[in-house]
C-alpha atoms as a PDB file:
ATOM      1  CA  MET A   1       4.440 -37.668  -9.238  1.00  0.00           C
ATOM      2  CA  THR A   2       7.877 -37.842  -6.843  1.00  0.00           C
ATOM      3  CA  ASP A   3      10.645 -36.001  -7.567  1.00  0.00           C
ATOM      4  CA  SER A   4      12.555 -38.635  -8.911  1.00  0.00           C
ATOM      5  CA  SER A   5       9.512 -39.804 -11.727  1.00  0.00           C
ATOM      6  CA  HIS A   6       9.554 -36.290 -12.429  1.00  0.00           C
ATOM      7  CA  TYR A   7      12.828 -36.069 -13.436  1.00  0.00           C
ATOM      8  CA  VAL A   8      12.755 -39.382 -15.478  1.00  0.00           C
ATOM      9  CA  ALA A   9       9.843 -38.257 -17.073  1.00  0.00           C
ATOM     10  CA  LYS A  10      11.712 -35.019 -17.952  1.00  0.00           C
ATOM     11  CA  ALA A  11      15.065 -36.822 -19.857  1.00  0.00           C
ATOM     12  CA  VAL A  12      12.480 -38.900 -21.968  1.00  0.00           C
ATOM     13  CA  GLU A  13      10.467 -35.957 -23.034  1.00  0.00           C
ATOM     14  CA  GLU A  14      13.775 -34.158 -23.978  1.00  0.00           C
ATOM     15  CA  GLN A  15      14.916 -37.233 -25.749  1.00  0.00           C
ATOM     16  CA  TYR A  16      11.933 -37.799 -27.985  1.00  0.00           C
ATOM     17  CA  ALA A  17      10.719 -34.249 -28.847  1.00  0.00           C
ATOM     18  CA  ASP A  18      10.437 -34.492 -32.024  1.00  0.00           C
ATOM     19  CA  LYS A  19       7.647 -37.082 -32.014  1.00  0.00           C
ATOM     20  CA  PRO A  20       4.118 -36.540 -31.068  1.00  0.00           C
ATOM     21  CA  ALA A  21       3.091 -36.253 -27.838  1.00  0.00           C
ATOM     22  CA  ALA A  22       0.981 -39.236 -27.557  1.00  0.00           C
ATOM     23  CA  THR A  23       4.213 -41.255 -28.735  1.00  0.00           C
ATOM     24  CA  ARG A  24       5.971 -38.990 -25.757  1.00  0.00           C
ATOM     25  CA  ARG A  25       3.297 -40.042 -23.125  1.00  0.00           C
ATOM     26  CA  GLN A  26       3.794 -43.862 -24.130  1.00  0.00           C
ATOM     27  CA  PHE A  27       7.955 -43.760 -23.747  1.00  0.00           C
ATOM     28  CA  VAL A  28       7.344 -41.416 -20.635  1.00  0.00           C
ATOM     29  CA  LYS A  29       4.737 -44.260 -19.196  1.00  0.00           C
ATOM     30  CA  GLY A  30       7.132 -47.622 -20.262  1.00  0.00           C
ATOM     31  CA  ALA A  31      10.412 -45.706 -19.048  1.00  0.00           C
ATOM     32  CA  LEU A  32       8.866 -45.142 -15.266  1.00  0.00           C
ATOM     33  CA  ALA A  33       7.349 -48.713 -15.462  1.00  0.00           C
ATOM     34  CA  SER A  34      10.726 -49.853 -16.223  1.00  0.00           C
ATOM     35  CA  ALA A  35      12.851 -47.461 -13.212  1.00  0.00           C
ATOM     36  CA  GLY A  36       9.734 -48.613 -10.890  1.00  0.00           C
ATOM     37  CA  GLY A  37      10.295 -52.068 -11.483  1.00  0.00           C
ATOM     38  CA  LEU A  38      14.258 -52.147 -10.826  1.00  0.00           C
ATOM     39  CA  GLY A  39      13.589 -50.333  -7.711  1.00  0.00           C
ATOM     40  CA  LEU A  40      15.234 -47.053  -8.707  1.00  0.00           C
ATOM     41  CA  LEU A  41      12.406 -44.944  -8.082  1.00  0.00           C
ATOM     42  CA  GLY A  42      12.839 -45.721  -4.200  1.00  0.00           C
ATOM     43  CA  LEU A  43      16.325 -45.715  -3.712  1.00  0.00           C
ATOM     44  CA  PRO A  44      17.117 -42.599  -0.843  1.00  0.00           C
ATOM     45  CA  GLY A  45      18.215 -40.010  -2.865  1.00  0.00           C
ATOM     46  CA  VAL A  46      17.961 -40.182  -6.413  1.00  0.00           C
ATOM     47  CA  ALA A  47      16.237 -36.832  -6.321  1.00  0.00           C
ATOM     48  CA  SER A  48      18.073 -34.959  -4.420  1.00  0.00           C
ATOM     49  CA  ALA A  49      21.432 -36.783  -4.300  1.00  0.00           C
ATOM     50  CA  SER A  50      22.676 -34.747  -7.209  1.00  0.00           C
ATOM     51  CA  HIS A  51      21.464 -31.312  -5.302  1.00  0.00           C
ATOM     52  CA  THR A  52      23.742 -28.818  -4.283  1.00  0.00           C
ATOM     53  CA  LYS A  53      23.306 -25.272  -2.157  1.00  0.00           C
ATOM     54  CA  ASN A  54      25.362 -23.581  -5.540  1.00  0.00           C
ATOM     55  CA  THR A  55      23.194 -21.935  -8.130  1.00  0.00           C
ATOM     56  CA  THR A  56      24.461 -22.555 -11.752  1.00  0.00           C
ATOM     57  CA  ALA A  57      26.076 -18.779 -12.393  1.00  0.00           C
ATOM     58  CA  GLU A  58      28.458 -20.095  -9.319  1.00  0.00           C
ATOM     59  CA  ILE A  59      29.655 -23.032 -10.565  1.00  0.00           C
ATOM     60  CA  LEU A  60      30.879 -21.292 -13.883  1.00  0.00           C
ATOM     61  CA  THR A  61      32.759 -18.618 -11.942  1.00  0.00           C
ATOM     62  CA  VAL A  62      34.484 -21.345  -9.952  1.00  0.00           C
ATOM     63  CA  ALA A  63      35.109 -23.392 -13.023  1.00  0.00           C
ATOM     64  CA  THR A  64      36.011 -20.716 -15.083  1.00  0.00           C
ATOM     65  CA  THR A  65      38.731 -19.186 -12.790  1.00  0.00           C
ATOM     66  CA  ALA A  66      40.046 -22.643 -11.913  1.00  0.00           C
ATOM     67  CA  GLU A  67      40.995 -23.271 -15.447  1.00  0.00           C
ATOM     68  CA  VAL A  68      42.275 -19.478 -15.561  1.00  0.00           C
ATOM     69  CA  LEU A  69      44.345 -21.301 -12.842  1.00  0.00           C
ATOM     70  CA  ALA A  70      45.420 -23.989 -14.199  1.00  0.00           C
ATOM     71  CA  THR A  71      46.482 -22.796 -17.867  1.00  0.00           C
ATOM     72  CA  ILE A  72      48.965 -20.432 -15.965  1.00  0.00           C
ATOM     73  CA  ILE A  73      50.247 -23.123 -13.829  1.00  0.00           C
ATOM     74  CA  ASN A  74      50.898 -26.169 -16.780  1.00  0.00           C
ATOM     75  CA  THR A  75      51.910 -23.330 -19.082  1.00  0.00           C
ATOM     76  CA  VAL A  76      54.524 -21.656 -16.454  1.00  0.00           C
ATOM     77  CA  GLY A  77      55.431 -25.559 -15.736  1.00  0.00           C
ATOM     78  CA  SER A  78      56.308 -26.650 -18.554  1.00  0.00           C
ATOM     79  CA  GLU A  79      58.370 -23.625 -19.553  1.00  0.00           C
ATOM     80  CA  ARG A  80      60.643 -23.905 -16.677  1.00  0.00           C
ATOM     81  CA  GLY A  81      60.501 -27.514 -17.497  1.00  0.00           C
ATOM     82  CA  LEU A  82      59.420 -29.156 -14.517  1.00  0.00           C
ATOM     83  CA  GLY A  83      57.978 -32.033 -16.030  1.00  0.00           C
ATOM     84  CA  GLY A  84      61.877 -33.420 -15.988  1.00  0.00           C
ATOM     85  CA  ASP A  85      61.601 -36.208 -18.112  1.00  0.00           C
ATOM     86  CA  ALA A  86      60.430 -36.035 -22.340  1.00  0.00           C
ATOM     87  CA  VAL A  87      57.234 -37.895 -21.077  1.00  0.00           C
ATOM     88  CA  THR A  88      55.933 -35.700 -18.280  1.00  0.00           C
ATOM     89  CA  GLN A  89      56.672 -32.692 -20.031  1.00  0.00           C
ATOM     90  CA  ARG A  90      54.780 -33.453 -22.833  1.00  0.00           C
ATOM     91  CA  ASN A  91      51.364 -34.341 -20.602  1.00  0.00           C
ATOM     92  CA  VAL A  92      51.973 -31.180 -19.135  1.00  0.00           C
ATOM     93  CA  ARG A  93      52.302 -29.229 -22.060  1.00  0.00           C
ATOM     94  CA  ALA A  94      49.219 -30.919 -23.140  1.00  0.00           C
ATOM     95  CA  ALA A  95      47.548 -30.540 -20.252  1.00  0.00           C
ATOM     96  CA  ALA A  96      48.161 -26.682 -20.336  1.00  0.00           C
ATOM     97  CA  ARG A  97      46.545 -26.347 -23.926  1.00  0.00           C
ATOM     98  CA  GLU A  98      43.365 -28.292 -22.377  1.00  0.00           C
ATOM     99  CA  GLU A  99      43.186 -26.198 -19.677  1.00  0.00           C
ATOM    100  CA  LEU A 100      42.918 -23.171 -22.035  1.00  0.00           C
ATOM    101  CA  ILE A 101      40.011 -25.225 -24.550  1.00  0.00           C
ATOM    102  CA  HIS A 102      37.998 -26.310 -21.411  1.00  0.00           C
ATOM    103  CA  TYR A 103      38.220 -21.822 -20.139  1.00  0.00           C
ATOM    104  CA  LYS A 104      37.185 -21.219 -23.738  1.00  0.00           C
ATOM    105  CA  VAL A 105      34.190 -23.228 -23.626  1.00  0.00           C
ATOM    106  CA  LEU A 106      33.618 -22.299 -20.537  1.00  0.00           C
ATOM    107  CA  ARG A 107      33.074 -18.621 -21.496  1.00  0.00           C
ATOM    108  CA  SER A 108      31.380 -19.671 -24.581  1.00  0.00           C
ATOM    109  CA  LEU A 109      28.361 -21.352 -21.705  1.00  0.00           C
ATOM    110  CA  GLY A 110      28.179 -18.494 -19.997  1.00  0.00           C
ATOM    111  CA  GLY A 111      31.184 -18.670 -17.400  1.00  0.00           C
ATOM    112  CA  SER A 112      33.103 -15.152 -16.232  1.00  0.00           C
ATOM    113  CA  PRO A 113      36.283 -16.073 -14.512  1.00  0.00           C
ATOM    114  CA  ALA A 114      36.047 -13.669 -11.520  1.00  0.00           C
ATOM    115  CA  THR A 115      39.213 -12.502 -12.048  1.00  0.00           C
ATOM    116  CA  LYS A 116      42.580 -13.092 -14.746  1.00  0.00           C
ATOM    117  CA  LYS A 117      44.953 -11.919 -12.003  1.00  0.00           C
ATOM    118  CA  ILE A 118      46.392 -15.125  -9.657  1.00  0.00           C
ATOM    119  CA  TRP A 119      48.735 -15.467  -7.395  1.00  0.00           C
ATOM    120  CA  ILE A 120      50.966 -18.096  -7.419  1.00  0.00           C
ATOM    121  CA  PRO A 121      53.478 -19.307  -4.702  1.00  0.00           C
ATOM    122  CA  ASP A 122      56.848 -19.655  -5.876  1.00  0.00           C
ATOM    123  CA  ALA A 123      57.329 -22.883  -4.049  1.00  0.00           C
ATOM    124  CA  VAL A 124      54.748 -24.002  -6.549  1.00  0.00           C
ATOM    125  CA  PHE A 125      57.680 -23.889  -9.081  1.00  0.00           C
ATOM    126  CA  ALA A 126      60.680 -23.839  -6.736  1.00  0.00           C
ATOM    127  CA  SER A 127      61.186 -28.156  -7.725  1.00  0.00           C
ATOM    128  CA  ARG A 128      59.447 -30.785  -9.772  1.00  0.00           C
ATOM    129  CA  THR A 129      58.521 -32.939  -6.933  1.00  0.00           C
ATOM    130  CA  ASN A 130      56.528 -29.377  -5.987  1.00  0.00           C
ATOM    131  CA  PHE A 131      55.055 -28.880  -9.144  1.00  0.00           C
ATOM    132  CA  LEU A 132      53.201 -32.481  -9.509  1.00  0.00           C
ATOM    133  CA  ASN A 133      52.263 -32.383  -5.975  1.00  0.00           C
ATOM    134  CA  THR A 134      50.447 -29.574  -6.909  1.00  0.00           C
ATOM    135  CA  LEU A 135      49.627 -30.625 -10.068  1.00  0.00           C
ATOM    136  CA  GLN A 136      48.304 -33.973  -8.067  1.00  0.00           C
ATOM    137  CA  VAL A 137      46.156 -31.734  -5.311  1.00  0.00           C
ATOM    138  CA  GLY A 138      44.520 -29.201  -7.920  1.00  0.00           C
ATOM    139  CA  ASP A 139      43.189 -31.939 -10.337  1.00  0.00           C
ATOM    140  CA  GLN A 140      41.327 -33.537  -7.606  1.00  0.00           C
ATOM    141  CA  ILE A 141      39.928 -30.227  -6.471  1.00  0.00           C
ATOM    142  CA  PHE A 142      38.647 -29.920  -9.836  1.00  0.00           C
ATOM    143  CA  VAL A 143      37.702 -33.053 -10.072  1.00  0.00           C
ATOM    144  CA  ASN A 144      35.453 -32.753  -7.246  1.00  0.00           C
ATOM    145  CA  ALA A 145      34.325 -29.598  -8.350  1.00  0.00           C
ATOM    146  CA  TYR A 146      33.332 -31.102 -11.898  1.00  0.00           C
ATOM    147  CA  LEU A 147      31.499 -33.920  -9.941  1.00  0.00           C
ATOM    148  CA  LEU A 148      29.397 -31.612  -8.083  1.00  0.00           C
ATOM    149  CA  ALA A 149      28.738 -29.216 -11.707  1.00  0.00           C
ATOM    150  CA  THR A 150      27.709 -32.555 -13.491  1.00  0.00           C
ATOM    151  CA  GLY A 151      24.948 -33.323 -10.507  1.00  0.00           C
ATOM    152  CA  SER A 152      23.791 -29.969  -9.815  1.00  0.00           C
ATOM    153  CA  PHE A 153      23.624 -29.057 -13.400  1.00  0.00           C
ATOM    154  CA  ALA A 154      21.533 -31.694 -14.687  1.00  0.00           C
ATOM    155  CA  HIS A 155      19.372 -32.113 -11.009  1.00  0.00           C
ATOM    156  CA  ALA A 156      18.220 -28.374 -12.850  1.00  0.00           C
ATOM    157  CA  GLY A 157      17.792 -30.295 -15.697  1.00  0.00           C
ATOM    158  CA  LEU A 158      20.767 -28.513 -17.745  1.00  0.00           C
ATOM    159  CA  ALA A 159      21.883 -31.411 -19.812  1.00  0.00           C
ATOM    160  CA  LYS A 160      24.561 -29.782 -21.766  1.00  0.00           C
ATOM    161  CA  LEU A 161      25.902 -28.115 -19.095  1.00  0.00           C
ATOM    162  CA  ALA A 162      25.558 -31.450 -17.210  1.00  0.00           C
ATOM    163  CA  MET A 163      27.948 -33.151 -20.064  1.00  0.00           C
ATOM    164  CA  SER A 164      30.297 -30.557 -20.063  1.00  0.00           C
ATOM    165  CA  ALA A 165      31.117 -30.789 -17.279  1.00  0.00           C
ATOM    166  CA  ALA A 166      31.659 -34.541 -17.002  1.00  0.00           C
ATOM    167  CA  GLU A 167      33.835 -34.261 -19.619  1.00  0.00           C
ATOM    168  CA  PHE A 168      35.982 -32.184 -18.008  1.00  0.00           C
ATOM    169  CA  MET A 169      35.748 -34.277 -15.017  1.00  0.00           C
ATOM    170  CA  GLY A 170      37.416 -37.178 -17.113  1.00  0.00           C
ATOM    171  CA  VAL A 171      39.891 -34.740 -18.646  1.00  0.00           C
ATOM    172  CA  GLU A 172      41.149 -33.799 -14.784  1.00  0.00           C
ATOM    173  CA  GLY A 173      41.391 -36.914 -13.481  1.00  0.00           C
ATOM    174  CA  VAL A 174      44.074 -38.035 -16.115  1.00  0.00           C
ATOM    175  CA  HIS A 175      45.826 -35.052 -15.223  1.00  0.00           C
ATOM    176  CA  ARG A 176      45.593 -36.120 -11.924  1.00  0.00           C
ATOM    177  CA  ALA A 177      46.914 -39.245 -12.880  1.00  0.00           C
ATOM    178  CA  LEU A 178      49.768 -38.537 -14.892  1.00  0.00           C
ATOM    179  CA  ALA A 179      51.084 -35.995 -12.377  1.00  0.00           C
ATOM    180  CA  ARG A 180      51.307 -39.093  -9.541  1.00  0.00           C
ATOM    181  CA  GLN A 181      52.626 -41.653 -12.155  1.00  0.00           C
ATOM    182  CA  SER A 182      55.478 -38.888 -12.888  1.00  0.00           C
ATOM    183  CA  LEU A 183      55.725 -38.911  -9.415  1.00  0.00           C
ATOM    184  CA  GLY A 184      56.711 -42.838  -8.895  1.00  0.00           C
ATOM    185  CA  LEU A 185      53.042 -43.433  -7.137  1.00  0.00           C
ATOM    186  CA  LEU A 186      50.124 -45.304  -8.864  1.00  0.00           C
ATOM    187  CA  GLY A 187      48.017 -43.131 -11.094  1.00  0.00           C
ATOM    188  CA  ASN A 188      45.138 -45.682 -11.903  1.00  0.00           C
ATOM    189  CA  ASP A 189      44.505 -45.971  -8.417  1.00  0.00           C
ATOM    190  CA  ARG A 190      40.951 -44.510  -8.122  1.00  0.00           C
ATOM    191  CA  VAL A 191      38.147 -47.397  -8.105  1.00  0.00           C
ATOM    192  CA  PHE A 192      35.847 -44.523  -8.616  1.00  0.00           C
ATOM    193  CA  MET A 193      36.260 -40.258  -8.692  1.00  0.00           C
ATOM    194  CA  LYS A 194      36.317 -38.794  -5.650  1.00  0.00           C
ATOM    195  CA  GLU A 195      34.053 -36.239  -4.560  1.00  0.00           C
ATOM    196  CA  ALA A 196      33.465 -35.561  -0.828  1.00  0.00           C
ATOM    197  CA  GLN A 197      34.959 -37.983   0.831  1.00  0.00           C
ATOM    198  CA  LYS A 198      38.470 -37.573   2.705  1.00  0.00           C
ATOM    199  CA  GLU A 199      41.511 -38.024   0.424  1.00  0.00           C
ATOM    200  CA  THR A 200      43.207 -41.495   1.241  1.00  0.00           C
ATOM    201  CA  ALA A 201      45.270 -42.127  -1.798  1.00  0.00           C
ATOM    202  CA  PRO A 202      49.005 -43.497  -0.363  1.00  0.00           C
ATOM    203  CA  GLY A 203      51.611 -40.213  -1.742  1.00  0.00           C
ATOM    204  CA  ALA A 204      49.149 -37.506  -1.413  1.00  0.00           C
ATOM    205  CA  PRO A 205      50.040 -34.295   0.552  1.00  0.00           C
ATOM    206  CA  ASN A 206      46.758 -33.658   1.458  1.00  0.00           C
ATOM    207  CA  ILE A 207      45.832 -37.124   3.475  1.00  0.00           C
ATOM    208  CA  GLY A 208      42.837 -36.747   5.484  1.00  0.00           C
ATOM    209  CA  GLN A 209      41.674 -33.772   3.568  1.00  0.00           C
ATOM    210  CA  PRO A 210      37.964 -33.650   2.627  1.00  0.00           C
ATOM    211  CA  GLY A 211      36.175 -33.425  -0.739  1.00  0.00           C
ATOM    212  CA  PHE A 212      33.074 -30.844  -0.847  1.00  0.00           C
ATOM    213  CA  ASP A 213      29.749 -30.359  -1.584  1.00  0.00           C
ATOM    214  CA  ASP A 214      29.470 -26.538  -1.725  1.00  0.00           C
ATOM    215  CA  ILE A 215      31.285 -25.020  -4.489  1.00  0.00           C
ATOM    216  CA  THR A 216      32.929 -22.394  -3.061  1.00  0.00           C
ATOM    217  CA  VAL A 217      34.951 -24.738  -1.075  1.00  0.00           C
ATOM    218  CA  ALA A 218      37.086 -25.635  -4.275  1.00  0.00           C
ATOM    219  CA  VAL A 219      38.208 -21.640  -3.597  1.00  0.00           C
ATOM    220  CA  THR A 220      38.865 -21.956   0.319  1.00  0.00           C
ATOM    221  CA  GLN A 221      41.190 -24.612  -0.300  1.00  0.00           C
ATOM    222  CA  LEU A 222      43.196 -22.949  -3.259  1.00  0.00           C
ATOM    223  CA  GLN A 223      43.710 -20.477  -1.169  1.00  0.00           C
ATOM    224  CA  ALA A 224      45.194 -22.715   1.464  1.00  0.00           C
ATOM    225  CA  ALA A 225      47.616 -23.893  -0.627  1.00  0.00           C
ATOM    226  CA  GLY A 226      48.710 -20.199  -0.754  1.00  0.00           C
ATOM    227  CA  ILE A 227      47.046 -19.483  -3.738  1.00  0.00           C
ATOM    228  CA  GLY A 228      45.274 -15.875  -4.123  1.00  0.00           C
ATOM    229  CA  PHE A 229      42.433 -14.681  -6.336  1.00  0.00           C
ATOM    230  CA  GLY A 230      43.565 -11.437  -7.116  1.00  0.00           C
ATOM    231  CA  ALA A 231      45.021 -10.685  -4.340  1.00  0.00           C
ATOM    232  CA  LYS A 232      48.306 -11.614  -3.018  1.00  0.00           C
ATOM    233  CA  GLY A 233      47.940 -15.480  -1.580  1.00  0.00           C
ATOM    234  CA  ASP A 234      49.684 -16.108   2.041  1.00  0.00           C
ATOM    235  CA  SER A 235      52.693 -17.758   0.875  1.00  0.00           C
ATOM    236  CA  PRO A 236      55.534 -15.866  -0.549  1.00  0.00           C
ATOM    237  CA  GLY A 237      54.896 -15.723  -4.471  1.00  0.00           C
ATOM    238  CA  ARG A 238      53.878 -13.425  -7.539  1.00  0.00           C
ATOM    239  CA  PHE A 239      50.803 -12.556  -9.615  1.00  0.00           C
ATOM    240  CA  TYR A 240      50.545 -13.869 -13.245  1.00  0.00           C
ATOM    241  CA  TYR A 241      48.183 -12.864 -15.473  1.00  0.00           C
ATOM    242  CA  PHE A 242      46.541 -14.818 -17.851  1.00  0.00           C
ATOM    243  CA  ASP A 243      45.584 -13.215 -20.889  1.00  0.00           C
ATOM    244  CA  GLN A 244      49.921 -12.793 -21.219  1.00  0.00           C
ATOM    245  CA  VAL A 245      50.345 -16.262 -20.428  1.00  0.00           C
ATOM    246  CA  SER A 246      47.814 -18.091 -22.301  1.00  0.00           C
ATOM    247  CA  LYS A 247      49.632 -16.490 -25.214  1.00  0.00           C
ATOM    248  CA  ARG A 248      52.283 -18.508 -24.581  1.00  0.00           C
ATOM    249  CA  THR A 249      50.136 -22.032 -23.906  1.00  0.00           C
ATOM    250  CA  PRO A 250      51.479 -24.661 -25.438  1.00  0.00           C
ATOM    251  CA  THR A 251      49.735 -27.590 -27.145  1.00  0.00           C
ATOM    252  CA  ASP A 252      50.378 -30.856 -29.007  1.00  0.00           C
ATOM    253  CA  PRO A 253      49.944 -32.184 -32.105  1.00  0.00           C
ATOM    254  CA  ASP A 254      48.526 -35.298 -31.102  1.00  0.00           C
ATOM    255  CA  LEU A 255      45.753 -33.711 -29.539  1.00  0.00           C
ATOM    256  CA  ASN A 256      42.306 -34.967 -30.158  1.00  0.00           C
ATOM    257  CA  THR A 257      38.345 -34.554 -29.595  1.00  0.00           C
ATOM    258  CA  PHE A 258      38.804 -31.074 -29.726  1.00  0.00           C
ATOM    259  CA  SER A 259      34.599 -30.601 -29.610  1.00  0.00           C
ATOM    260  CA  ILE A 260      31.805 -31.527 -26.886  1.00  0.00           C
ATOM    261  CA  GLU A 261      29.215 -33.734 -28.917  1.00  0.00           C
ATOM    262  CA  VAL A 262      26.084 -32.689 -27.053  1.00  0.00           C
ATOM    263  CA  LEU A 263      26.850 -28.821 -27.868  1.00  0.00           C
ATOM    264  CA  GLU A 264      26.263 -29.460 -31.200  1.00  0.00           C
ATOM    265  CA  GLY A 265      22.912 -31.183 -31.514  1.00  0.00           C
END
């Protein structure tokens, strides 16, 4: 059985785990026939496209640490009124709570942050434009990271983790879009979410910066922007402590969909 066939068969077996073995074999046979008929199993990279060099533990650590950073930046930015107008302020406040909830879910899935002590450059909070551009770039890094995580977890057969990463990625894409819209740029600009391609979005401050297929590059790109994880960054700034800031993280009464369905199944 090819790698591609193996993953199709495994997915079907999991889907119908409650059925008798003979019934499952029939479903697998039918699924493989359908996929083969469509030419899906012969497409280059079907089996390997979602594979990365990172371990599940590495991805969870980076993702959990990134949510520590995102919770802090959105909380502090909202406290300083850097959204500016009422609508943007409300979106930033909602994003702060969403990032905190993502952090808690990742912790429940086995993620542990590398640090909860984050160095953030003063320039991030120096102006509304700086703040929103930080969100625009940072949320794209998160989109890239969660796309990578989705593929890696799926490749490893970790359906619950893959679904969680996909759901987080969608929210980070919304955050990026709202930051761009508040900057007067086209927020709804992506035909597909960007992973390893170079940044080409008009108005993005990091045009030309490539994406990544190694989760550790997310950390490198954030550090290049002056962020420090447990240590001082290269730009003037100060340390922020998640355990202190998260106690002040705002929320919004209209937030909804507080659970990930696949985790409850």
